């Protein structure tokens, strides 16, 4: 990412109840992974990753962020979702 600090700030503004372990791109990637896998929810109530991905993209698109920042966040969510699917051995 070109501007990690800007992405961290944008992510934190959208998910203001989420705390990041640090203020770098790695912390945002970890937070996105937890969100997509719904790890903060009780196991019986967890939603599928595709549903969580869709909700995250909607939240980003409907936000007041600059278009370039929205694009970077959508791109990062997509990359993390693809990574998680590969890691879990799921097909596209």
PDB file of N, CA and C in Angstrom:
ATOM      1  N   UNK A   1       0.833  -1.174   0.000  1.00  0.00           N
ATOM      2  CA  UNK A   1       0.000   0.000   0.000  1.00  0.00           C
ATOM      3  C   UNK A   1       0.877   1.237   0.000  1.00  0.00           C
ATOM      4  N   UNK A   2       0.394   2.246  -0.668  1.00  0.00           N
ATOM      5  CA  UNK A   2       1.180   3.461  -0.788  1.00  0.00           C
ATOM      6  C   UNK A   2       1.266   4.233   0.523  1.00  0.00           C
ATOM      7  N   UNK A   3       0.151   4.361   1.192  1.00  0.00           N
ATOM      8  CA  UNK A   3       0.128   5.178   2.389  1.00  0.00           C
ATOM      9  C   UNK A   3      -0.511   4.403   3.537  1.00  0.00           C
ATOM     10  N   UNK A   4       0.307   3.616   4.232  1.00  0.00           N
ATOM     11  CA  UNK A   4      -0.194   2.750   5.297  1.00  0.00           C
ATOM     12  C   UNK A   4      -0.930   3.519   6.391  1.00  0.00           C
ATOM     13  N   UNK A   5      -0.378   4.648   6.785  1.00  0.00           N
ATOM     14  CA  UNK A   5      -0.991   5.428   7.870  1.00  0.00           C
ATOM     15  C   UNK A   5      -2.393   5.892   7.488  1.00  0.00           C
ATOM     16  N   UNK A   6      -2.574   6.291   6.234  1.00  0.00           N
ATOM     17  CA  UNK A   6      -3.887   6.740   5.769  1.00  0.00           C
ATOM     18  C   UNK A   6      -4.893   5.589   5.780  1.00  0.00           C
ATOM     19  N   UNK A   7      -4.439   4.399   5.375  1.00  0.00           N
ATOM     20  CA  UNK A   7      -5.313   3.228   5.374  1.00  0.00           C
ATOM     21  C   UNK A   7      -5.678   2.834   6.808  1.00  0.00           C
ATOM     22  N   UNK A   8      -4.716   2.871   7.710  1.00  0.00           N
ATOM     23  CA  UNK A   8      -4.976   2.556   9.117  1.00  0.00           C
ATOM     24  C   UNK A   8      -6.012   3.539   9.673  1.00  0.00           C
ATOM     25  N   UNK A   9      -5.827   4.811   9.394  1.00  0.00           N
ATOM     26  CA  UNK A   9      -6.764   5.834   9.876  1.00  0.00           C
ATOM     27  C   UNK A   9      -8.155   5.622   9.281  1.00  0.00           C
ATOM     28  N   UNK A  10      -8.222   5.312   7.987  1.00  0.00           N
ATOM     29  CA  UNK A  10      -9.507   5.088   7.328  1.00  0.00           C
ATOM     30  C   UNK A  10     -10.206   3.860   7.904  1.00  0.00           C
ATOM     31  N   UNK A  11      -9.456   2.781   8.097  1.00  0.00           N
ATOM     32  CA  UNK A  11     -10.027   1.557   8.670  1.00  0.00           C
ATOM     33  C   UNK A  11     -10.571   1.843  10.063  1.00  0.00           C
ATOM     34  N   UNK A  12      -9.785   2.534  10.852  1.00  0.00           N
ATOM     35  CA  UNK A  12     -10.202   2.852  12.225  1.00  0.00           C
ATOM     36  C   UNK A  12     -11.441   3.751  12.234  1.00  0.00           C
ATOM     37  N   UNK A  13     -11.584   4.616  11.236  1.00  0.00           N
ATOM     38  CA  UNK A  13     -12.756   5.489  11.197  1.00  0.00           C
ATOM     39  C   UNK A  13     -14.018   4.709  10.850  1.00  0.00           C
ATOM     40  N   UNK A  14     -13.887   3.660  10.057  1.00  0.00           N
ATOM     41  CA  UNK A  14     -15.051   2.851   9.689  1.00  0.00           C
ATOM     42  C   UNK A  14     -15.442   1.879  10.791  1.00  0.00           C
ATOM     43  N   UNK A  15     -14.468   1.306  11.441  1.00  0.00           N
ATOM     44  CA  UNK A  15     -14.704   0.337  12.502  1.00  0.00           C
ATOM     45  C   UNK A  15     -14.141   0.921  13.789  1.00  0.00           C
ATOM     46  N   UNK A  16     -14.806   1.950  14.301  1.00  0.00           N
ATOM     47  CA  UNK A  16     -14.256   2.684  15.440  1.00  0.00           C
ATOM     48  C   UNK A  16     -14.272   1.893  16.747  1.00  0.00           C
ATOM     49  N   UNK A  17     -14.971   0.779  16.794  1.00  0.00           N
ATOM     50  CA  UNK A  17     -14.945  -0.029  18.010  1.00  0.00           C
ATOM     51  C   UNK A  17     -13.893  -1.131  17.936  1.00  0.00           C
ATOM     52  N   UNK A  18     -13.101  -1.140  16.870  1.00  0.00           N
ATOM     53  CA  UNK A  18     -12.039  -2.134  16.705  1.00  0.00           C
ATOM     54  C   UNK A  18     -10.698  -1.513  17.114  1.00  0.00           C
ATOM     55  N   UNK A  19      -9.985  -2.205  17.947  1.00  0.00           N
ATOM     56  CA  UNK A  19      -8.662  -1.718  18.321  1.00  0.00           C
ATOM     57  C   UNK A  19      -7.617  -2.478  17.504  1.00  0.00           C
ATOM     58  N   UNK A  20      -6.638  -1.756  17.036  1.00  0.00           N
ATOM     59  CA  UNK A  20      -5.556  -2.348  16.257  1.00  0.00           C
ATOM     60  C   UNK A  20      -4.340  -2.515  17.150  1.00  0.00           C
ATOM     61  N   UNK A  21      -3.582  -3.590  16.908  1.00  0.00           N
ATOM     62  CA  UNK A  21      -2.411  -3.866  17.731  1.00  0.00           C
ATOM     63  C   UNK A  21      -1.299  -2.850  17.495  1.00  0.00           C
ATOM     64  N   UNK A  22      -1.254  -2.283  16.290  1.00  0.00           N
ATOM     65  CA  UNK A  22      -0.292  -1.235  15.966  1.00  0.00           C
ATOM     66  C   UNK A  22      -0.879  -0.400  14.836  1.00  0.00           C
ATOM     67  N   UNK A  23      -0.127   0.573  14.376  1.00  0.00           N
ATOM     68  CA  UNK A  23      -0.659   1.443  13.326  1.00  0.00           C
ATOM     69  C   UNK A  23       0.055   1.204  11.991  1.00  0.00           C
ATOM     70  N   UNK A  24       0.087  -0.073  11.580  1.00  0.00           N
ATOM     71  CA  UNK A  24       0.689  -0.391  10.289  1.00  0.00           C
ATOM     72  C   UNK A  24      -0.246  -1.288   9.477  1.00  0.00           C
ATOM     73  N   UNK A  25       0.125  -1.535   8.246  1.00  0.00           N
ATOM     74  CA  UNK A  25      -0.709  -2.306   7.326  1.00  0.00           C
ATOM     75  C   UNK A  25      -0.913  -3.737   7.816  1.00  0.00           C
ATOM     76  N   UNK A  26       0.065  -4.285   8.491  1.00  0.00           N
ATOM     77  CA  UNK A  26      -0.050  -5.651   9.000  1.00  0.00           C
ATOM     78  C   UNK A  26      -1.167  -5.760  10.038  1.00  0.00           C
ATOM     79  N   UNK A  27      -1.286  -4.754  10.880  1.00  0.00           N
ATOM     80  CA  UNK A  27      -2.344  -4.753  11.890  1.00  0.00           C
ATOM     81  C   UNK A  27      -3.719  -4.653  11.224  1.00  0.00           C
ATOM     82  N   UNK A  28      -3.821  -3.863  10.163  1.00  0.00           N
ATOM     83  CA  UNK A  28      -5.086  -3.753   9.438  1.00  0.00           C
ATOM     84  C   UNK A  28      -5.415  -5.090   8.775  1.00  0.00           C
ATOM     85  N   UNK A  29      -4.433  -5.734   8.169  1.00  0.00           N
ATOM     86  CA  UNK A  29      -4.654  -7.035   7.536  1.00  0.00           C
ATOM     87  C   UNK A  29      -5.133  -8.052   8.563  1.00  0.00           C
ATOM     88  N   UNK A  30      -4.539  -8.047   9.739  1.00  0.00           N
ATOM     89  CA  UNK A  30      -4.950  -8.969  10.805  1.00  0.00           C
ATOM     90  C   UNK A  30      -6.386  -8.677  11.254  1.00  0.00           C
ATOM     91  N   UNK A  31      -6.718  -7.398  11.386  1.00  0.00           N
ATOM     92  CA  UNK A  31      -8.077  -7.017  11.779  1.00  0.00           C
ATOM     93  C   UNK A  31      -9.096  -7.419  10.716  1.00  0.00           C
ATOM     94  N   UNK A  32      -8.733  -7.271   9.446  1.00  0.00           N
ATOM     95  CA  UNK A  32      -9.617  -7.668   8.351  1.00  0.00           C
ATOM     96  C   UNK A  32      -9.823  -9.180   8.379  1.00  0.00           C
ATOM     97  N   UNK A  33      -8.760  -9.928   8.601  1.00  0.00           N
ATOM     98  CA  UNK A  33      -8.877 -11.391   8.693  1.00  0.00           C
ATOM     99  C   UNK A  33      -9.850 -11.787   9.802  1.00  0.00           C
ATOM    100  N   UNK A  34      -9.705 -11.167  10.971  1.00  0.00           N
ATOM    101  CA  UNK A  34     -10.594 -11.474  12.090  1.00  0.00           C
ATOM    102  C   UNK A  34     -12.038 -11.134  11.737  1.00  0.00           C
ATOM    103  N   UNK A  35     -12.227 -10.020  11.042  1.00  0.00           N
ATOM    104  CA  UNK A  35     -13.578  -9.607  10.650  1.00  0.00           C
ATOM    105  C   UNK A  35     -14.167 -10.571   9.624  1.00  0.00           C
ATOM    106  N   UNK A  36     -13.396 -10.913   8.603  1.00  0.00           N
ATOM    107  CA  UNK A  36     -13.903 -11.800   7.552  1.00  0.00           C
ATOM    108  C   UNK A  36     -14.205 -13.201   8.088  1.00  0.00           C
ATOM    109  N   UNK A  37     -13.410 -13.655   9.034  1.00  0.00           N
ATOM    110  CA  UNK A  37     -13.636 -14.975   9.625  1.00  0.00           C
ATOM    111  C   UNK A  37     -14.642 -14.922  10.771  1.00  0.00           C
ATOM    112  N   UNK A  38     -15.092 -13.701  11.099  1.00  0.00           N
ATOM    113  CA  UNK A  38     -16.098 -13.481  12.145  1.00  0.00           C
ATOM    114  C   UNK A  38     -15.635 -14.029  13.488  1.00  0.00           C
ATOM    115  N   UNK A  39     -14.350 -13.871  13.788  1.00  0.00           N
ATOM    116  CA  UNK A  39     -13.757 -14.432  15.005  1.00  0.00           C
ATOM    117  C   UNK A  39     -14.214 -13.736  16.286  1.00  0.00           C
ATOM    118  N   UNK A  40     -14.801 -12.549  16.167  1.00  0.00           N
ATOM    119  CA  UNK A  40     -15.253 -11.838  17.365  1.00  0.00           C
ATOM    120  C   UNK A  40     -16.679 -12.226  17.755  1.00  0.00           C
ATOM    121  N   UNK A  41     -17.237 -13.175  17.034  1.00  0.00           N
ATOM    122  CA  UNK A  41     -18.606 -13.626  17.267  1.00  0.00           C
ATOM    123  C   UNK A  41     -18.573 -15.055  17.807  1.00  0.00           C
ATOM    124  N   UNK A  42     -19.540 -15.388  18.628  1.00  0.00           N
ATOM    125  CA  UNK A  42     -19.641 -16.750  19.152  1.00  0.00           C
ATOM    126  C   UNK A  42     -19.729 -17.731  17.976  1.00  0.00           C
ATOM    127  N   UNK A  43     -19.045 -18.880  18.058  1.00  0.00           N
ATOM    128  CA  UNK A  43     -19.007 -19.825  16.926  1.00  0.00           C
ATOM    129  C   UNK A  43     -20.368 -20.213  16.345  1.00  0.00           C
ATOM    130  N   UNK A  44     -21.378 -20.350  17.166  1.00  0.00           N
ATOM    131  CA  UNK A  44     -22.693 -20.741  16.639  1.00  0.00           C
ATOM    132  C   UNK A  44     -23.390 -19.610  15.893  1.00  0.00           C
ATOM    133  N   UNK A  45     -22.923 -18.386  16.071  1.00  0.00           N
ATOM    134  CA  UNK A  45     -23.566 -17.230  15.441  1.00  0.00           C
ATOM    135  C   UNK A  45     -22.765 -16.667  14.271  1.00  0.00           C
ATOM    136  N   UNK A  46     -21.628 -17.266  13.982  1.00  0.00           N
ATOM    137  CA  UNK A  46     -20.762 -16.748  12.921  1.00  0.00           C
ATOM    138  C   UNK A  46     -21.420 -16.825  11.552  1.00  0.00           C
ATOM    139  N   UNK A  47     -21.139 -15.798  10.745  1.00  0.00           N
ATOM    140  CA  UNK A  47     -21.657 -15.733   9.385  1.00  0.00           C
ATOM    141  C   UNK A  47     -20.584 -16.205   8.419  1.00  0.00           C
ATOM    142  N   UNK A  48     -20.991 -16.663   7.240  1.00  0.00           N
ATOM    143  CA  UNK A  48     -20.006 -17.094   6.237  1.00  0.00           C
ATOM    144  C   UNK A  48     -19.120 -15.925   5.795  1.00  0.00           C
ATOM    145  N   UNK A  49     -17.911 -16.259   5.361  1.00  0.00           N
ATOM    146  CA  UNK A  49     -16.950 -15.237   4.974  1.00  0.00           C
ATOM    147  C   UNK A  49     -17.490 -14.350   3.853  1.00  0.00           C
ATOM    148  N   UNK A  50     -18.173 -14.919   2.887  1.00  0.00           N
ATOM    149  CA  UNK A  50     -18.707 -14.123   1.779  1.00  0.00           C
ATOM    150  C   UNK A  50     -19.696 -13.079   2.285  1.00  0.00           C
ATOM    151  N   UNK A  51     -20.507 -13.445   3.244  1.00  0.00           N
ATOM    152  CA  UNK A  51     -21.470 -12.502   3.822  1.00  0.00           C
ATOM    153  C   UNK A  51     -20.743 -11.374   4.558  1.00  0.00           C
ATOM    154  N   UNK A  52     -19.708 -11.719   5.310  1.00  0.00           N
ATOM    155  CA  UNK A  52     -18.924 -10.705   6.023  1.00  0.00           C
ATOM    156  C   UNK A  52     -18.175  -9.791   5.042  1.00  0.00           C
ATOM    157  N   UNK A  53     -17.657 -10.382   3.960  1.00  0.00           N
ATOM    158  CA  UNK A  53     -16.964  -9.607   2.931  1.00  0.00           C
ATOM    159  C   UNK A  53     -17.934  -8.601   2.308  1.00  0.00           C
ATOM    160  N   UNK A  54     -19.112  -9.060   1.927  1.00  0.00           N
ATOM    161  CA  UNK A  54     -20.110  -8.200   1.316  1.00  0.00           C
ATOM    162  C   UNK A  54     -20.475  -7.041   2.248  1.00  0.00           C
ATOM    163  N   UNK A  55     -20.671  -7.332   3.529  1.00  0.00           N
ATOM    164  CA  UNK A  55     -21.018  -6.297   4.505  1.00  0.00           C
ATOM    165  C   UNK A  55     -19.891  -5.267   4.639  1.00  0.00           C
ATOM    166  N   UNK A  56     -18.656  -5.735   4.636  1.00  0.00           N
ATOM    167  CA  UNK A  56     -17.516  -4.826   4.750  1.00  0.00           C
ATOM    168  C   UNK A  56     -17.420  -3.917   3.527  1.00  0.00           C
ATOM    169  N   UNK A  57     -17.608  -4.495   2.344  1.00  0.00           N
ATOM    170  CA  UNK A  57     -17.533  -3.699   1.116  1.00  0.00           C
ATOM    171  C   UNK A  57     -18.651  -2.665   1.093  1.00  0.00           C
ATOM    172  N   UNK A  58     -19.840  -3.048   1.504  1.00  0.00           N
ATOM    173  CA  UNK A  58     -20.948  -2.087   1.568  1.00  0.00           C
ATOM    174  C   UNK A  58     -20.615  -0.941   2.513  1.00  0.00           C
ATOM    175  N   UNK A  59     -20.051  -1.262   3.647  1.00  0.00           N
ATOM    176  CA  UNK A  59     -19.701  -0.234   4.628  1.00  0.00           C
ATOM    177  C   UNK A  59     -18.666   0.731   4.057  1.00  0.00           C
ATOM    178  N   UNK A  60     -17.695   0.197   3.347  1.00  0.00           N
ATOM    179  CA  UNK A  60     -16.658   1.034   2.735  1.00  0.00           C
ATOM    180  C   UNK A  60     -17.265   1.933   1.665  1.00  0.00           C
ATOM    181  N   UNK A  61     -18.027   1.344   0.765  1.00  0.00           N
ATOM    182  CA  UNK A  61     -18.607   2.091  -0.360  1.00  0.00           C
ATOM    183  C   UNK A  61     -19.555   3.184   0.129  1.00  0.00           C
ATOM    184  N   UNK A  62     -20.307   2.913   1.176  1.00  0.00           N
ATOM    185  CA  UNK A  62     -21.267   3.888   1.694  1.00  0.00           C
ATOM    186  C   UNK A  62     -20.651   4.918   2.627  1.00  0.00           C
ATOM    187  N   UNK A  63     -19.348   4.833   2.851  1.00  0.00           N
ATOM    188  CA  UNK A  63     -18.685   5.762   3.768  1.00  0.00           C
ATOM    189  C   UNK A  63     -18.407   7.105   3.087  1.00  0.00           C
ATOM    190  N   UNK A  64     -17.949   8.042   3.875  1.00  0.00           N
ATOM    191  CA  UNK A  64     -17.605   9.378   3.384  1.00  0.00           C
ATOM    192  C   UNK A  64     -16.125   9.507   3.019  1.00  0.00           C
ATOM    193  N   UNK A  65     -15.423   8.393   2.941  1.00  0.00           N
ATOM    194  CA  UNK A  65     -13.999   8.411   2.615  1.00  0.00           C
ATOM    195  C   UNK A  65     -13.773   8.843   1.169  1.00  0.00           C
ATOM    196  N   UNK A  66     -12.577   9.288   0.897  1.00  0.00           N
ATOM    197  CA  UNK A  66     -12.188   9.655  -0.469  1.00  0.00           C
ATOM    198  C   UNK A  66     -12.207   8.409  -1.351  1.00  0.00           C
ATOM    199  N   UNK A  67     -12.574   8.553  -2.618  1.00  0.00           N
ATOM    200  CA  UNK A  67     -12.639   7.392  -3.524  1.00  0.00           C
ATOM    201  C   UNK A  67     -11.351   6.569  -3.584  1.00  0.00           C
ATOM    202  N   UNK A  68     -10.205   7.230  -3.574  1.00  0.00           N
ATOM    203  CA  UNK A  68      -8.931   6.498  -3.640  1.00  0.00           C
ATOM    204  C   UNK A  68      -8.723   5.632  -2.392  1.00  0.00           C
ATOM    205  N   UNK A  69      -9.134   6.141  -1.254  1.00  0.00           N
ATOM    206  CA  UNK A  69      -9.005   5.383   0.001  1.00  0.00           C
ATOM    207  C   UNK A  69      -9.993   4.223   0.006  1.00  0.00           C
ATOM    208  N   UNK A  70     -11.203   4.488  -0.479  1.00  0.00           N
ATOM    209  CA  UNK A  70     -12.196   3.407  -0.588  1.00  0.00           C
ATOM    210  C   UNK A  70     -11.643   2.287  -1.457  1.00  0.00           C
ATOM    211  N   UNK A  71     -11.054   2.672  -2.587  1.00  0.00           N
ATOM    212  CA  UNK A  71     -10.486   1.669  -3.495  1.00  0.00           C
ATOM    213  C   UNK A  71      -9.417   0.841  -2.790  1.00  0.00           C
ATOM    214  N   UNK A  72      -8.533   1.489  -2.057  1.00  0.00           N
ATOM    215  CA  UNK A  72      -7.466   0.771  -1.357  1.00  0.00           C
ATOM    216  C   UNK A  72      -8.042  -0.193  -0.312  1.00  0.00           C
ATOM    217  N   UNK A  73      -9.071   0.236   0.407  1.00  0.00           N
ATOM    218  CA  UNK A  73      -9.680  -0.641   1.408  1.00  0.00           C
ATOM    219  C   UNK A  73     -10.405  -1.823   0.764  1.00  0.00           C
ATOM    220  N   UNK A  74     -11.116  -1.571  -0.327  1.00  0.00           N
ATOM    221  CA  UNK A  74     -11.789  -2.667  -1.038  1.00  0.00           C
ATOM    222  C   UNK A  74     -10.753  -3.641  -1.577  1.00  0.00           C
ATOM    223  N   UNK A  75      -9.684  -3.107  -2.142  1.00  0.00           N
ATOM    224  CA  UNK A  75      -8.611  -3.948  -2.674  1.00  0.00           C
ATOM    225  C   UNK A  75      -7.988  -4.800  -1.564  1.00  0.00           C
ATOM    226  N   UNK A  76      -7.736  -4.203  -0.429  1.00  0.00           N
ATOM    227  CA  UNK A  76      -7.144  -4.936   0.692  1.00  0.00           C
ATOM    228  C   UNK A  76      -8.093  -6.023   1.211  1.00  0.00           C
ATOM    229  N   UNK A  77      -9.370  -5.704   1.331  1.00  0.00           N
ATOM    230  CA  UNK A  77     -10.346  -6.716   1.761  1.00  0.00           C
ATOM    231  C   UNK A  77     -10.403  -7.871   0.769  1.00  0.00           C
ATOM    232  N   UNK A  78     -10.367  -7.553  -0.515  1.00  0.00           N
ATOM    233  CA  UNK A  78     -10.412  -8.599  -1.544  1.00  0.00           C
ATOM    234  C   UNK A  78      -9.170  -9.481  -1.470  1.00  0.00           C
ATOM    235  N   UNK A  79      -8.002  -8.869  -1.327  1.00  0.00           N
ATOM    236  CA  UNK A  79      -6.756  -9.628  -1.215  1.00  0.00           C
ATOM    237  C   UNK A  79      -6.782 -10.542   0.009  1.00  0.00           C
ATOM    238  N   UNK A  80      -7.257 -10.005   1.137  1.00  0.00           N
ATOM    239  CA  UNK A  80      -7.295 -10.813   2.365  1.00  0.00           C
ATOM    240  C   UNK A  80      -8.304 -11.955   2.233  1.00  0.00           C
ATOM    241  N   UNK A  81      -9.453 -11.695   1.603  1.00  0.00           N
ATOM    242  CA  UNK A  81     -10.449 -12.755   1.413  1.00  0.00           C
ATOM    243  C   UNK A  81      -9.889 -13.859   0.523  1.00  0.00           C
ATOM    244  N   UNK A  82      -9.195 -13.475  -0.543  1.00  0.00           N
ATOM    245  CA  UNK A  82      -8.582 -14.476  -1.425  1.00  0.00           C
ATOM    246  C   UNK A  82      -7.523 -15.273  -0.677  1.00  0.00           C
ATOM    247  N   UNK A  83      -6.721 -14.588   0.115  1.00  0.00           N
ATOM    248  CA  UNK A  83      -5.682 -15.258   0.906  1.00  0.00           C
ATOM    249  C   UNK A  83      -6.301 -16.262   1.880  1.00  0.00           C
ATOM    250  N   UNK A  84      -7.351 -15.846   2.560  1.00  0.00           N
ATOM    251  CA  UNK A  84      -8.008 -16.739   3.525  1.00  0.00           C
ATOM    252  C   UNK A  84      -8.640 -17.939   2.836  1.00  0.00           C
ATOM    253  N   UNK A  85      -9.227 -17.730   1.671  1.00  0.00           N
ATOM    254  CA  UNK A  85      -9.812 -18.850   0.929  1.00  0.00           C
ATOM    255  C   UNK A  85      -8.730 -19.850   0.524  1.00  0.00           C
ATOM    256  N   UNK A  86      -7.598 -19.348   0.040  1.00  0.00           N
ATOM    257  CA  UNK A  86      -6.487 -20.233  -0.336  1.00  0.00           C
ATOM    258  C   UNK A  86      -5.964 -20.977   0.886  1.00  0.00           C
ATOM    259  N   UNK A  87      -5.819 -20.256   1.971  1.00  0.00           N
ATOM    260  CA  UNK A  87      -5.307 -20.843   3.207  1.00  0.00           C
ATOM    261  C   UNK A  87      -6.217 -21.963   3.704  1.00  0.00           C
ATOM    262  N   UNK A  88      -7.503 -21.791   3.514  1.00  0.00           N
ATOM    263  CA  UNK A  88      -8.484 -22.776   3.967  1.00  0.00           C
ATOM    264  C   UNK A  88      -8.776 -23.830   2.906  1.00  0.00           C
ATOM    265  N   UNK A  89      -8.174 -23.700   1.726  1.00  0.00           N
ATOM    266  CA  UNK A  89      -8.344 -24.682   0.665  1.00  0.00           C
ATOM    267  C   UNK A  89      -9.691 -24.618  -0.028  1.00  0.00           C
ATOM    268  N   UNK A  90     -10.304 -23.439  -0.030  1.00  0.00           N
ATOM    269  CA  UNK A  90     -11.603 -23.277  -0.670  1.00  0.00           C
ATOM    270  C   UNK A  90     -11.427 -22.900  -2.131  1.00  0.00           C
ATOM    271  N   UNK A  91     -12.395 -23.301  -2.946  1.00  0.00           N
ATOM    272  CA  UNK A  91     -12.390 -22.967  -4.372  1.00  0.00           C
ATOM    273  C   UNK A  91     -13.077 -21.630  -4.589  1.00  0.00           C
ATOM    274  N   UNK A  92     -12.698 -20.948  -5.670  1.00  0.00           N
ATOM    275  CA  UNK A  92     -13.339 -19.668  -6.014  1.00  0.00           C
ATOM    276  C   UNK A  92     -14.698 -19.868  -6.596  1.00  0.00           C
TER     277      UNK A  92
END
